[in-house]
Amino acid sequence: MNAKAEAADFQLDGLKWLVVVALVIGGAVANTLYAAEFPILYRVIGLLILGIAACFVAVKTAKGNAFWELLKASQVEIRKVVWPTSQETIQTTLVVVVVVIIAAVILWGLDSLFGFIASKIIG
């Protein structure tokens, strides 16, 4: 796309962000005002609808569209990851646990040795 087409796609971004903020604030205020009158289920459904509407408007802005494209690209990258098998995960966890225990024993031994030496020096 050329610059003119991209600029035309994302006109009135400030107004769109203002609508997003108005939806979020309106939902929060309405939830507070109608807390005693409506059950929590209806208020949650209303907030979900307002949240979806706010996200829809936000994605129509330049920054929102860039964020949406980033999310789609990250999903593609996650599919490329080679995840370890269950056996590899267990073996790696056991190695980490053994190394931590060995390091703890070494540090305990050094602490005891230095404590013993300090107590002999101090008296």
PDB file of N, CA and C in Angstrom:
ATOM      1  N   MET A   1       0.833  -1.184   0.000  1.00  0.00           N
ATOM      2  CA  MET A   1       0.000   0.000   0.000  1.00  0.00           C
ATOM      3  C   MET A   1       0.875   1.244   0.000  1.00  0.00           C
ATOM      4  N   ASN A   2       0.377   2.272  -0.626  1.00  0.00           N
ATOM      5  CA  ASN A   2       1.129   3.515  -0.589  1.00  0.00           C
ATOM      6  C   ASN A   2       0.717   4.341   0.624  1.00  0.00           C
ATOM      7  N   ALA A   3       1.415   5.428   0.828  1.00  0.00           N
ATOM      8  CA  ALA A   3       1.203   6.238   2.025  1.00  0.00           C
ATOM      9  C   ALA A   3      -0.188   6.861   2.057  1.00  0.00           C
ATOM     10  N   LYS A   4      -0.716   7.255   0.882  1.00  0.00           N
ATOM     11  CA  LYS A   4      -2.043   7.867   0.842  1.00  0.00           C
ATOM     12  C   LYS A   4      -3.122   6.867   1.238  1.00  0.00           C
ATOM     13  N   ALA A   5      -2.987   5.640   0.775  1.00  0.00           N
ATOM     14  CA  ALA A   5      -3.981   4.615   1.108  1.00  0.00           C
ATOM     15  C   ALA A   5      -3.933   4.280   2.593  1.00  0.00           C
ATOM     16  N   GLU A   6      -2.717   4.194   3.162  1.00  0.00           N
ATOM     17  CA  GLU A   6      -2.593   3.905   4.595  1.00  0.00           C
ATOM     18  C   GLU A   6      -3.144   5.059   5.424  1.00  0.00           C
ATOM     19  N   ALA A   7      -2.892   6.281   4.996  1.00  0.00           N
ATOM     20  CA  ALA A   7      -3.409   7.436   5.720  1.00  0.00           C
ATOM     21  C   ALA A   7      -4.927   7.458   5.662  1.00  0.00           C
ATOM     22  N   ALA A   8      -5.497   7.064   4.541  1.00  0.00           N
ATOM     23  CA  ALA A   8      -6.952   7.041   4.399  1.00  0.00           C
ATOM     24  C   ALA A   8      -7.565   5.948   5.271  1.00  0.00           C
ATOM     25  N   ASP A   9      -6.856   4.838   5.451  1.00  0.00           N
ATOM     26  CA  ASP A   9      -7.365   3.748   6.271  1.00  0.00           C
ATOM     27  C   ASP A   9      -7.462   4.133   7.741  1.00  0.00           C
ATOM     28  N   PHE A  10      -6.577   4.976   8.206  1.00  0.00           N
ATOM     29  CA  PHE A  10      -6.513   5.280   9.628  1.00  0.00           C
ATOM     30  C   PHE A  10      -6.823   6.754   9.906  1.00  0.00           C
ATOM     31  N   GLN A  11      -7.852   7.262   9.261  1.00  0.00           N
ATOM     32  CA  GLN A  11      -8.267   8.628   9.526  1.00  0.00           C
ATOM     33  C   GLN A  11      -8.978   8.694  10.868  1.00  0.00           C
ATOM     34  N   LEU A  12      -8.909   9.813  11.488  1.00  0.00           N
ATOM     35  CA  LEU A  12      -9.613  10.085  12.742  1.00  0.00           C
ATOM     36  C   LEU A  12      -9.213   9.145  13.871  1.00  0.00           C
ATOM     37  N   ASP A  13      -7.922   8.814  13.935  1.00  0.00           N
ATOM     38  CA  ASP A  13      -7.453   7.920  14.996  1.00  0.00           C
ATOM     39  C   ASP A  13      -7.699   8.503  16.382  1.00  0.00           C
ATOM     40  N   GLY A  14      -7.509   9.795  16.527  1.00  0.00           N
ATOM     41  CA  GLY A  14      -7.739  10.434  17.826  1.00  0.00           C
ATOM     42  C   GLY A  14      -9.183  10.278  18.277  1.00  0.00           C
ATOM     43  N   LEU A  15     -10.103  10.442  17.358  1.00  0.00           N
ATOM     44  CA  LEU A  15     -11.516  10.288  17.678  1.00  0.00           C
ATOM     45  C   LEU A  15     -11.834   8.833  18.042  1.00  0.00           C
ATOM     46  N   LYS A  16     -11.230   7.914  17.335  1.00  0.00           N
ATOM     47  CA  LYS A  16     -11.457   6.495  17.641  1.00  0.00           C
ATOM     48  C   LYS A  16     -10.941   6.148  19.037  1.00  0.00           C
ATOM     49  N   TRP A  17      -9.768   6.670  19.403  1.00  0.00           N
ATOM     50  CA  TRP A  17      -9.239   6.410  20.746  1.00  0.00           C
ATOM     51  C   TRP A  17     -10.120   7.068  21.799  1.00  0.00           C
ATOM     52  N   LEU A  18     -10.680   8.209  21.473  1.00  0.00           N
ATOM     53  CA  LEU A  18     -11.598   8.871  22.389  1.00  0.00           C
ATOM     54  C   LEU A  18     -12.847   8.008  22.608  1.00  0.00           C
ATOM     55  N   VAL A  19     -13.335   7.383  21.546  1.00  0.00           N
ATOM     56  CA  VAL A  19     -14.479   6.473  21.663  1.00  0.00           C
ATOM     57  C   VAL A  19     -14.115   5.271  22.532  1.00  0.00           C
ATOM     58  N   VAL A  20     -12.899   4.731  22.362  1.00  0.00           N
ATOM     59  CA  VAL A  20     -12.453   3.597  23.179  1.00  0.00           C
ATOM     60  C   VAL A  20     -12.430   3.984  24.654  1.00  0.00           C
ATOM     61  N   VAL A  21     -11.843   5.131  24.956  1.00  0.00           N
ATOM     62  CA  VAL A  21     -11.766   5.590  26.347  1.00  0.00           C
ATOM     63  C   VAL A  21     -13.169   5.827  26.899  1.00  0.00           C
ATOM     64  N   ALA A  22     -14.055   6.406  26.081  1.00  0.00           N
ATOM     65  CA  ALA A  22     -15.430   6.666  26.523  1.00  0.00           C
ATOM     66  C   ALA A  22     -16.158   5.356  26.816  1.00  0.00           C
ATOM     67  N   LEU A  23     -15.940   4.339  25.991  1.00  0.00           N
ATOM     68  CA  LEU A  23     -16.573   3.039  26.235  1.00  0.00           C
ATOM     69  C   LEU A  23     -16.086   2.418  27.535  1.00  0.00           C
ATOM     70  N   VAL A  24     -14.793   2.481  27.769  1.00  0.00           N
ATOM     71  CA  VAL A  24     -14.232   1.879  28.990  1.00  0.00           C
ATOM     72  C   VAL A  24     -14.715   2.626  30.225  1.00  0.00           C
ATOM     73  N   ILE A  25     -14.632   3.944  30.192  1.00  0.00           N
ATOM     74  CA  ILE A  25     -15.070   4.739  31.347  1.00  0.00           C
ATOM     75  C   ILE A  25     -16.577   4.603  31.540  1.00  0.00           C
ATOM     76  N   GLY A  26     -17.326   4.623  30.449  1.00  0.00           N
ATOM     77  CA  GLY A  26     -18.777   4.451  30.544  1.00  0.00           C
ATOM     78  C   GLY A  26     -19.158   3.112  31.151  1.00  0.00           C
ATOM     79  N   GLY A  27     -18.442   2.068  30.773  1.00  0.00           N
ATOM     80  CA  GLY A  27     -18.709   0.751  31.349  1.00  0.00           C
ATOM     81  C   GLY A  27     -18.408   0.700  32.830  1.00  0.00           C
ATOM     82  N   ALA A  28     -17.300   1.313  33.227  1.00  0.00           N
ATOM     83  CA  ALA A  28     -16.942   1.328  34.650  1.00  0.00           C
ATOM     84  C   ALA A  28     -17.953   2.127  35.464  1.00  0.00           C
ATOM     85  N   VAL A  29     -18.374   3.288  34.943  1.00  0.00           N
ATOM     86  CA  VAL A  29     -19.344   4.120  35.655  1.00  0.00           C
ATOM     87  C   VAL A  29     -20.698   3.409  35.727  1.00  0.00           C
ATOM     88  N   ALA A  30     -21.140   2.825  34.617  1.00  0.00           N
ATOM     89  CA  ALA A  30     -22.425   2.127  34.609  1.00  0.00           C
ATOM     90  C   ALA A  30     -22.403   0.938  35.558  1.00  0.00           C
ATOM     91  N   ASN A  31     -21.286   0.227  35.613  1.00  0.00           N
ATOM     92  CA  ASN A  31     -21.173  -0.903  36.530  1.00  0.00           C
ATOM     93  C   ASN A  31     -21.315  -0.439  37.969  1.00  0.00           C
ATOM     94  N   THR A  32     -20.734   0.704  38.288  1.00  0.00           N
ATOM     95  CA  THR A  32     -20.821   1.233  39.648  1.00  0.00           C
ATOM     96  C   THR A  32     -22.231   1.737  39.955  1.00  0.00           C
ATOM     97  N   LEU A  33     -22.821   2.450  39.012  1.00  0.00           N
ATOM     98  CA  LEU A  33     -24.145   3.031  39.250  1.00  0.00           C
ATOM     99  C   LEU A  33     -25.237   1.968  39.379  1.00  0.00           C
ATOM    100  N   TYR A  34     -25.128   0.911  38.594  1.00  0.00           N
ATOM    101  CA  TYR A  34     -26.178  -0.105  38.576  1.00  0.00           C
ATOM    102  C   TYR A  34     -25.824  -1.344  39.391  1.00  0.00           C
ATOM    103  N   ALA A  35     -24.896  -1.204  40.327  1.00  0.00           N
ATOM    104  CA  ALA A  35     -24.472  -2.360  41.129  1.00  0.00           C
ATOM    105  C   ALA A  35     -25.617  -2.920  41.966  1.00  0.00           C
ATOM    106  N   ALA A  36     -26.480  -2.050  42.488  1.00  0.00           N
ATOM    107  CA  ALA A  36     -27.570  -2.516  43.350  1.00  0.00           C
ATOM    108  C   ALA A  36     -28.800  -2.937  42.551  1.00  0.00           C
ATOM    109  N   GLU A  37     -28.942  -2.427  41.332  1.00  0.00           N
ATOM    110  CA  GLU A  37     -30.161  -2.664  40.569  1.00  0.00           C
ATOM    111  C   GLU A  37     -30.121  -3.922  39.707  1.00  0.00           C
ATOM    112  N   PHE A  38     -28.951  -4.296  39.203  1.00  0.00           N
ATOM    113  CA  PHE A  38     -28.858  -5.436  38.309  1.00  0.00           C
ATOM    114  C   PHE A  38     -27.952  -6.509  38.903  1.00  0.00           C
ATOM    115  N   PRO A  39     -28.249  -7.777  38.644  1.00  0.00           N
ATOM    116  CA  PRO A  39     -27.370  -8.848  39.139  1.00  0.00           C
ATOM    117  C   PRO A  39     -25.999  -8.770  38.470  1.00  0.00           C
ATOM    118  N   ILE A  40     -25.027  -9.380  39.103  1.00  0.00           N
ATOM    119  CA  ILE A  40     -23.647  -9.339  38.605  1.00  0.00           C
ATOM    120  C   ILE A  40     -23.532  -9.948  37.209  1.00  0.00           C
ATOM    121  N   LEU A  41     -24.324 -10.965  36.917  1.00  0.00           N
ATOM    122  CA  LEU A  41     -24.246 -11.616  35.610  1.00  0.00           C
ATOM    123  C   LEU A  41     -24.544 -10.628  34.489  1.00  0.00           C
ATOM    124  N   TYR A  42     -25.606  -9.837  34.641  1.00  0.00           N
ATOM    125  CA  TYR A  42     -25.965  -8.880  33.602  1.00  0.00           C
ATOM    126  C   TYR A  42     -24.900  -7.799  33.450  1.00  0.00           C
ATOM    127  N   ARG A  43     -24.335  -7.375  34.577  1.00  0.00           N
ATOM    128  CA  ARG A  43     -23.296  -6.351  34.507  1.00  0.00           C
ATOM    129  C   ARG A  43     -22.033  -6.893  33.847  1.00  0.00           C
ATOM    130  N   VAL A  44     -21.673  -8.141  34.131  1.00  0.00           N
ATOM    131  CA  VAL A  44     -20.499  -8.742  33.494  1.00  0.00           C
ATOM    132  C   VAL A  44     -20.721  -8.889  31.992  1.00  0.00           C
ATOM    133  N   ILE A  45     -21.907  -9.342  31.601  1.00  0.00           N
ATOM    134  CA  ILE A  45     -22.207  -9.473  30.166  1.00  0.00           C
ATOM    135  C   ILE A  45     -22.129  -8.104  29.492  1.00  0.00           C
ATOM    136  N   GLY A  46     -22.678  -7.079  30.137  1.00  0.00           N
ATOM    137  CA  GLY A  46     -22.602  -5.726  29.577  1.00  0.00           C
ATOM    138  C   GLY A  46     -21.172  -5.245  29.439  1.00  0.00           C
ATOM    139  N   LEU A  47     -20.350  -5.498  30.465  1.00  0.00           N
ATOM    140  CA  LEU A  47     -18.942  -5.088  30.393  1.00  0.00           C
ATOM    141  C   LEU A  47     -18.190  -5.853  29.315  1.00  0.00           C
ATOM    142  N   LEU A  48     -18.507  -7.128  29.143  1.00  0.00           N
ATOM    143  CA  LEU A  48     -17.869  -7.898  28.067  1.00  0.00           C
ATOM    144  C   LEU A  48     -18.231  -7.337  26.699  1.00  0.00           C
ATOM    145  N   ILE A  49     -19.489  -6.990  26.515  1.00  0.00           N
ATOM    146  CA  ILE A  49     -19.920  -6.420  25.232  1.00  0.00           C
ATOM    147  C   ILE A  49     -19.220  -5.085  24.991  1.00  0.00           C
ATOM    148  N   LEU A  50     -19.146  -4.241  26.024  1.00  0.00           N
ATOM    149  CA  LEU A  50     -18.451  -2.955  25.870  1.00  0.00           C
ATOM    150  C   LEU A  50     -16.953  -3.163  25.616  1.00  0.00           C
ATOM    151  N   GLY A  51     -16.349  -4.143  26.270  1.00  0.00           N
ATOM    152  CA  GLY A  51     -14.934  -4.434  26.058  1.00  0.00           C
ATOM    153  C   GLY A  51     -14.661  -4.891  24.635  1.00  0.00           C
ATOM    154  N   ILE A  52     -15.536  -5.750  24.121  1.00  0.00           N
ATOM    155  CA  ILE A  52     -15.374  -6.223  22.736  1.00  0.00           C
ATOM    156  C   ILE A  52     -15.542  -5.062  21.755  1.00  0.00           C
ATOM    157  N   ALA A  53     -16.528  -4.201  22.023  1.00  0.00           N
ATOM    158  CA  ALA A  53     -16.730  -3.031  21.157  1.00  0.00           C
ATOM    159  C   ALA A  53     -15.513  -2.108  21.207  1.00  0.00           C
ATOM    160  N   ALA A  54     -14.954  -1.892  22.400  1.00  0.00           N
ATOM    161  CA  ALA A  54     -13.775  -1.037  22.534  1.00  0.00           C
ATOM    162  C   ALA A  54     -12.586  -1.639  21.783  1.00  0.00           C
ATOM    163  N   CYS A  55     -12.403  -2.948  21.897  1.00  0.00           N
ATOM    164  CA  CYS A  55     -11.305  -3.603  21.163  1.00  0.00           C
ATOM    165  C   CYS A  55     -11.509  -3.492  19.660  1.00  0.00           C
ATOM    166  N   PHE A  56     -12.754  -3.650  19.208  1.00  0.00           N
ATOM    167  CA  PHE A  56     -13.044  -3.542  17.780  1.00  0.00           C
ATOM    168  C   PHE A  56     -12.699  -2.146  17.265  1.00  0.00           C
ATOM    169  N   VAL A  57     -13.066  -1.127  18.014  1.00  0.00           N
ATOM    170  CA  VAL A  57     -12.759   0.254  17.596  1.00  0.00           C
ATOM    171  C   VAL A  57     -11.255   0.493  17.663  1.00  0.00           C
ATOM    172  N   ALA A  58     -10.586  -0.040  18.699  1.00  0.00           N
ATOM    173  CA  ALA A  58      -9.142   0.177  18.852  1.00  0.00           C
ATOM    174  C   ALA A  58      -8.363  -0.463  17.707  1.00  0.00           C
ATOM    175  N   VAL A  59      -8.805  -1.624  17.225  1.00  0.00           N
ATOM    176  CA  VAL A  59      -8.095  -2.297  16.139  1.00  0.00           C
ATOM    177  C   VAL A  59      -8.213  -1.516  14.832  1.00  0.00           C
ATOM    178  N   LYS A  60      -9.195  -0.659  14.739  1.00  0.00           N
ATOM    179  CA  LYS A  60      -9.374   0.146  13.526  1.00  0.00           C
ATOM    180  C   LYS A  60      -8.437   1.352  13.485  1.00  0.00           C
ATOM    181  N   THR A  61      -7.603   1.534  14.529  1.00  0.00           N
ATOM    182  CA  THR A  61      -6.624   2.622  14.519  1.00  0.00           C
ATOM    183  C   THR A  61      -5.279   2.081  14.017  1.00  0.00           C
ATOM    184  N   ALA A  62      -4.345   2.979  13.738  1.00  0.00           N
ATOM    185  CA  ALA A  62      -3.034   2.559  13.224  1.00  0.00           C
ATOM    186  C   ALA A  62      -2.285   1.727  14.260  1.00  0.00           C
ATOM    187  N   LYS A  63      -2.220   2.213  15.500  1.00  0.00           N
ATOM    188  CA  LYS A  63      -1.496   1.485  16.537  1.00  0.00           C
ATOM    189  C   LYS A  63      -2.212   0.190  16.903  1.00  0.00           C
ATOM    190  N   GLY A  64      -3.526   0.228  16.949  1.00  0.00           N
ATOM    191  CA  GLY A  64      -4.283  -0.982  17.246  1.00  0.00           C
ATOM    192  C   GLY A  64      -4.098  -2.037  16.174  1.00  0.00           C
ATOM    193  N   ASN A  65      -4.062  -1.604  14.912  1.00  0.00           N
ATOM    194  CA  ASN A  65      -3.851  -2.538  13.813  1.00  0.00           C
ATOM    195  C   ASN A  65      -2.441  -3.126  13.866  1.00  0.00           C
ATOM    196  N   ALA A  66      -1.459  -2.291  14.202  1.00  0.00           N
ATOM    197  CA  ALA A  66      -0.082  -2.793  14.322  1.00  0.00           C
ATOM    198  C   ALA A  66       0.011  -3.816  15.449  1.00  0.00           C
ATOM    199  N   PHE A  67      -0.677  -3.572  16.565  1.00  0.00           N
ATOM    200  CA  PHE A  67      -0.689  -4.524  17.681  1.00  0.00           C
ATOM    201  C   PHE A  67      -1.360  -5.828  17.271  1.00  0.00           C
ATOM    202  N   TRP A  68      -2.449  -5.737  16.528  1.00  0.00           N
ATOM    203  CA  TRP A  68      -3.153  -6.933  16.062  1.00  0.00           C
ATOM    204  C   TRP A  68      -2.257  -7.753  15.130  1.00  0.00           C
ATOM    205  N   GLU A  69      -1.533  -7.079  14.256  1.00  0.00           N
ATOM    206  CA  GLU A  69      -0.611  -7.778  13.352  1.00  0.00           C
ATOM    207  C   GLU A  69       0.511  -8.443  14.148  1.00  0.00           C
ATOM    208  N   LEU A  70       0.991  -7.793  15.197  1.00  0.00           N
ATOM    209  CA  LEU A  70       2.007  -8.380  16.058  1.00  0.00           C
ATOM    210  C   LEU A  70       1.480  -9.648  16.721  1.00  0.00           C
ATOM    211  N   LEU A  71       0.244  -9.602  17.216  1.00  0.00           N
ATOM    212  CA  LEU A  71      -0.349 -10.792  17.831  1.00  0.00           C
ATOM    213  C   LEU A  71      -0.464 -11.949  16.837  1.00  0.00           C
ATOM    214  N   LYS A  72      -0.871 -11.634  15.609  1.00  0.00           N
ATOM    215  CA  LYS A  72      -0.985 -12.695  14.600  1.00  0.00           C
ATOM    216  C   LYS A  72       0.386 -13.269  14.248  1.00  0.00           C
ATOM    217  N   ALA A  73       1.404 -12.404  14.152  1.00  0.00           N
ATOM    218  CA  ALA A  73       2.751 -12.877  13.831  1.00  0.00           C
ATOM    219  C   ALA A  73       3.317 -13.712  14.969  1.00  0.00           C
ATOM    220  N   SER A  74       3.035 -13.325  16.209  1.00  0.00           N
ATOM    221  CA  SER A  74       3.535 -14.120  17.338  1.00  0.00           C
ATOM    222  C   SER A  74       2.862 -15.481  17.393  1.00  0.00           C
ATOM    223  N   GLN A  75       1.600 -15.552  17.011  1.00  0.00           N
ATOM    224  CA  GLN A  75       0.912 -16.848  16.971  1.00  0.00           C
ATOM    225  C   GLN A  75       1.555 -17.764  15.933  1.00  0.00           C
ATOM    226  N   VAL A  76       1.956 -17.206  14.806  1.00  0.00           N
ATOM    227  CA  VAL A  76       2.640 -17.998  13.787  1.00  0.00           C
ATOM    228  C   VAL A  76       3.979 -18.504  14.315  1.00  0.00           C
ATOM    229  N   GLU A  77       4.710 -17.647  15.032  1.00  0.00           N
ATOM    230  CA  GLU A  77       6.002 -18.047  15.585  1.00  0.00           C
ATOM    231  C   GLU A  77       5.850 -19.128  16.656  1.00  0.00           C
ATOM    232  N   ILE A  78       4.791 -19.047  17.460  1.00  0.00           N
ATOM    233  CA  ILE A  78       4.574 -20.060  18.491  1.00  0.00           C
ATOM    234  C   ILE A  78       4.338 -21.430  17.867  1.00  0.00           C
ATOM    235  N   ARG A  79       3.695 -21.460  16.708  1.00  0.00           N
ATOM    236  CA  ARG A  79       3.473 -22.741  16.019  1.00  0.00           C
ATOM    237  C   ARG A  79       4.787 -23.364  15.547  1.00  0.00           C
ATOM    238  N   LYS A  80       5.823 -22.536  15.357  1.00  0.00           N
ATOM    239  CA  LYS A  80       7.107 -23.041  14.878  1.00  0.00           C
ATOM    240  C   LYS A  80       7.964 -23.632  15.995  1.00  0.00           C
ATOM    241  N   VAL A  81       7.602 -23.389  17.254  1.00  0.00           N
ATOM    242  CA  VAL A  81       8.404 -23.848  18.383  1.00  0.00           C
ATOM    243  C   VAL A  81       8.310 -25.360  18.503  1.00  0.00           C
ATOM    244  N   VAL A  82       9.455 -25.990  18.744  1.00  0.00           N
ATOM    245  CA  VAL A  82       9.483 -27.426  18.981  1.00  0.00           C
ATOM    246  C   VAL A  82       9.436 -27.620  20.496  1.00  0.00           C
ATOM    247  N   TRP A  83       8.304 -28.077  20.999  1.00  0.00           N
ATOM    248  CA  TRP A  83       8.112 -28.231  22.428  1.00  0.00           C
ATOM    249  C   TRP A  83       8.724 -29.544  22.895  1.00  0.00           C
ATOM    250  N   PRO A  84       9.311 -29.567  24.100  1.00  0.00           N
ATOM    251  CA  PRO A  84       9.918 -30.801  24.597  1.00  0.00           C
ATOM    252  C   PRO A  84       8.856 -31.840  24.941  1.00  0.00           C
ATOM    253  N   THR A  85       9.276 -33.099  24.858  1.00  0.00           N
ATOM    254  CA  THR A  85       8.362 -34.169  25.232  1.00  0.00           C
ATOM    255  C   THR A  85       8.246 -34.222  26.748  1.00  0.00           C
ATOM    256  N   SER A  86       7.316 -35.015  27.207  1.00  0.00           N
ATOM    257  CA  SER A  86       7.125 -35.151  28.654  1.00  0.00           C
ATOM    258  C   SER A  86       8.362 -35.752  29.308  1.00  0.00           C
ATOM    259  N   GLN A  87       8.963 -36.733  28.649  1.00  0.00           N
ATOM    260  CA  GLN A  87      10.162 -37.371  29.204  1.00  0.00           C
ATOM    261  C   GLN A  87      11.319 -36.372  29.281  1.00  0.00           C
ATOM    262  N   GLU A  88      11.509 -35.554  28.250  1.00  0.00           N
ATOM    263  CA  GLU A  88      12.576 -34.547  28.271  1.00  0.00           C
ATOM    264  C   GLU A  88      12.341 -33.524  29.384  1.00  0.00           C
ATOM    265  N   THR A  89      11.096 -33.140  29.588  1.00  0.00           N
ATOM    266  CA  THR A  89      10.786 -32.181  30.645  1.00  0.00           C
ATOM    267  C   THR A  89      11.094 -32.765  32.014  1.00  0.00           C
ATOM    268  N   ILE A  90      10.719 -34.013  32.246  1.00  0.00           N
ATOM    269  CA  ILE A  90      10.984 -34.655  33.536  1.00  0.00           C
ATOM    270  C   ILE A  90      12.482 -34.796  33.771  1.00  0.00           C
ATOM    271  N   GLN A  91      13.222 -35.229  32.751  1.00  0.00           N
ATOM    272  CA  GLN A  91      14.669 -35.400  32.900  1.00  0.00           C
ATOM    273  C   GLN A  91      15.353 -34.063  33.190  1.00  0.00           C
ATOM    274  N   THR A  92      14.965 -33.024  32.489  1.00  0.00           N
ATOM    275  CA  THR A  92      15.565 -31.708  32.708  1.00  0.00           C
ATOM    276  C   THR A  92      15.242 -31.203  34.115  1.00  0.00           C
ATOM    277  N   THR A  93      14.014 -31.411  34.552  1.00  0.00           N
ATOM    278  CA  THR A  93      13.632 -30.996  35.902  1.00  0.00           C
ATOM    279  C   THR A  93      14.444 -31.736  36.950  1.00  0.00           C
ATOM    280  N   LEU A  94      14.642 -33.030  36.757  1.00  0.00           N
ATOM    281  CA  LEU A  94      15.430 -33.804  37.717  1.00  0.00           C
ATOM    282  C   LEU A  94      16.880 -33.323  37.764  1.00  0.00           C
ATOM    283  N   VAL A  95      17.455 -32.998  36.624  1.00  0.00           N
ATOM    284  CA  VAL A  95      18.827 -32.492  36.588  1.00  0.00           C
ATOM    285  C   VAL A  95      18.910 -31.176  37.360  1.00  0.00           C
ATOM    286  N   VAL A  96      17.939 -30.295  37.165  1.00  0.00           N
ATOM    287  CA  VAL A  96      17.933 -29.013  37.867  1.00  0.00           C
ATOM    288  C   VAL A  96      17.806 -29.237  39.371  1.00  0.00           C
ATOM    289  N   VAL A  97      16.929 -30.133  39.790  1.00  0.00           N
ATOM    290  CA  VAL A  97      16.742 -30.400  41.215  1.00  0.00           C
ATOM    291  C   VAL A  97      18.032 -30.950  41.823  1.00  0.00           C
ATOM    292  N   VAL A  98      18.700 -31.876  41.140  1.00  0.00           N
ATOM    293  CA  VAL A  98      19.947 -32.454  41.649  1.00  0.00           C
ATOM    294  C   VAL A  98      21.024 -31.377  41.768  1.00  0.00           C
ATOM    295  N   VAL A  99      21.164 -30.525  40.775  1.00  0.00           N
ATOM    296  CA  VAL A  99      22.175 -29.461  40.818  1.00  0.00           C
ATOM    297  C   VAL A  99      21.875 -28.487  41.953  1.00  0.00           C
ATOM    298  N   VAL A 100      20.616 -28.163  42.167  1.00  0.00           N
ATOM    299  CA  VAL A 100      20.253 -27.259  43.259  1.00  0.00           C
ATOM    300  C   VAL A 100      20.580 -27.893  44.604  1.00  0.00           C
ATOM    301  N   ILE A 101      20.304 -29.177  44.771  1.00  0.00           N
ATOM    302  CA  ILE A 101      20.615 -29.860  46.027  1.00  0.00           C
ATOM    303  C   ILE A 101      22.125 -29.892  46.257  1.00  0.00           C
ATOM    304  N   ILE A 102      22.896 -30.188  45.220  1.00  0.00           N
ATOM    305  CA  ILE A 102      24.362 -30.212  45.358  1.00  0.00           C
ATOM    306  C   ILE A 102      24.874 -28.820  45.736  1.00  0.00           C
ATOM    307  N   ALA A 103      24.375 -27.786  45.076  1.00  0.00           N
ATOM    308  CA  ALA A 103      24.804 -26.423  45.392  1.00  0.00           C
ATOM    309  C   ALA A 103      24.414 -26.067  46.826  1.00  0.00           C
ATOM    310  N   ALA A 104      23.235 -26.498  47.272  1.00  0.00           N
ATOM    311  CA  ALA A 104      22.801 -26.206  48.641  1.00  0.00           C
ATOM    312  C   ALA A 104      23.706 -26.893  49.657  1.00  0.00           C
ATOM    313  N   VAL A 105      24.097 -28.143  49.378  1.00  0.00           N
ATOM    314  CA  VAL A 105      24.976 -28.868  50.302  1.00  0.00           C
ATOM    315  C   VAL A 105      26.354 -28.200  50.355  1.00  0.00           C
ATOM    316  N   ILE A 106      26.866 -27.788  49.206  1.00  0.00           N
ATOM    317  CA  ILE A 106      28.170 -27.115  49.178  1.00  0.00           C
ATOM    318  C   ILE A 106      28.106 -25.803  49.962  1.00  0.00           C
ATOM    319  N   LEU A 107      27.069 -25.008  49.735  1.00  0.00           N
ATOM    320  CA  LEU A 107      26.933 -23.740  50.453  1.00  0.00           C
ATOM    321  C   LEU A 107      26.734 -23.972  51.949  1.00  0.00           C
ATOM    322  N   TRP A 108      25.979 -24.989  52.334  1.00  0.00           N
ATOM    323  CA  TRP A 108      25.795 -25.313  53.752  1.00  0.00           C
ATOM    324  C   TRP A 108      27.132 -25.702  54.384  1.00  0.00           C
ATOM    325  N   GLY A 109      27.897 -26.512  53.654  1.00  0.00           N
ATOM    326  CA  GLY A 109      29.206 -26.918  54.165  1.00  0.00           C
ATOM    327  C   GLY A 109      30.142 -25.733  54.335  1.00  0.00           C
ATOM    328  N   LEU A 110      30.194 -24.850  53.343  1.00  0.00           N
ATOM    329  CA  LEU A 110      31.041 -23.662  53.445  1.00  0.00           C
ATOM    330  C   LEU A 110      30.569 -22.750  54.582  1.00  0.00           C
ATOM    331  N   ASP A 111      29.280 -22.592  54.738  1.00  0.00           N
ATOM    332  CA  ASP A 111      28.744 -21.765  55.816  1.00  0.00           C
ATOM    333  C   ASP A 111      29.112 -22.357  57.173  1.00  0.00           C
ATOM    334  N   SER A 112      28.997 -23.666  57.307  1.00  0.00           N
ATOM    335  CA  SER A 112      29.361 -24.315  58.572  1.00  0.00           C
ATOM    336  C   SER A 112      30.857 -24.173  58.847  1.00  0.00           C
ATOM    337  N   LEU A 113      31.676 -24.351  57.814  1.00  0.00           N
ATOM    338  CA  LEU A 113      33.123 -24.240  57.964  1.00  0.00           C
ATOM    339  C   LEU A 113      33.514 -22.825  58.377  1.00  0.00           C
ATOM    340  N   PHE A 114      32.999 -21.819  57.674  1.00  0.00           N
ATOM    341  CA  PHE A 114      33.338 -20.445  58.003  1.00  0.00           C
ATOM    342  C   PHE A 114      32.773 -20.045  59.366  1.00  0.00           C
ATOM    343  N   GLY A 115      31.623 -20.553  59.730  1.00  0.00           N
ATOM    344  CA  GLY A 115      31.059 -20.295  61.047  1.00  0.00           C
ATOM    345  C   GLY A 115      31.923 -20.893  62.139  1.00  0.00           C
ATOM    346  N   PHE A 116      32.414 -22.107  61.897  1.00  0.00           N
ATOM    347  CA  PHE A 116      33.294 -22.766  62.862  1.00  0.00           C
ATOM    348  C   PHE A 116      34.592 -21.988  63.019  1.00  0.00           C
ATOM    349  N   ILE A 117      35.186 -21.568  61.878  1.00  0.00           N
ATOM    350  CA  ILE A 117      36.425 -20.807  61.916  1.00  0.00           C
ATOM    351  C   ILE A 117      36.206 -19.462  62.628  1.00  0.00           C
ATOM    352  N   ALA A 118      35.100 -18.790  62.333  1.00  0.00           N
ATOM    353  CA  ALA A 118      34.821 -17.495  62.970  1.00  0.00           C
ATOM    354  C   ALA A 118      34.640 -17.678  64.477  1.00  0.00           C
ATOM    355  N   SER A 119      33.956 -18.748  64.873  1.00  0.00           N
ATOM    356  CA  SER A 119      33.758 -18.962  66.324  1.00  0.00           C
ATOM    357  C   SER A 119      35.070 -19.267  67.042  1.00  0.00           C
ATOM    358  N   LYS A 120      36.009 -19.935  66.365  1.00  0.00           N
ATOM    359  CA  LYS A 120      37.323 -20.198  66.956  1.00  0.00           C
ATOM    360  C   LYS A 120      38.161 -18.916  67.073  1.00  0.00           C
ATOM    361  N   ILE A 121      38.030 -18.046  66.056  1.00  0.00           N
ATOM    362  CA  ILE A 121      38.789 -16.797  66.072  1.00  0.00           C
ATOM    363  C   ILE A 121      38.226 -15.855  67.142  1.00  0.00           C
ATOM    364  N   ILE A 122      36.908 -15.738  67.208  1.00  0.00           N
ATOM    365  CA  ILE A 122      36.276 -14.819  68.155  1.00  0.00           C
ATOM    366  C   ILE A 122      36.409 -15.338  69.587  1.00  0.00           C
ATOM    367  N   GLY A 123      36.328 -16.628  69.742  1.00  0.00           N
ATOM    368  CA  GLY A 123      36.547 -17.174  71.072  1.00  0.00           C
ATOM    369  C   GLY A 123      35.345 -17.797  71.582  1.00  0.00           C
TER     370      GLY A 123
END
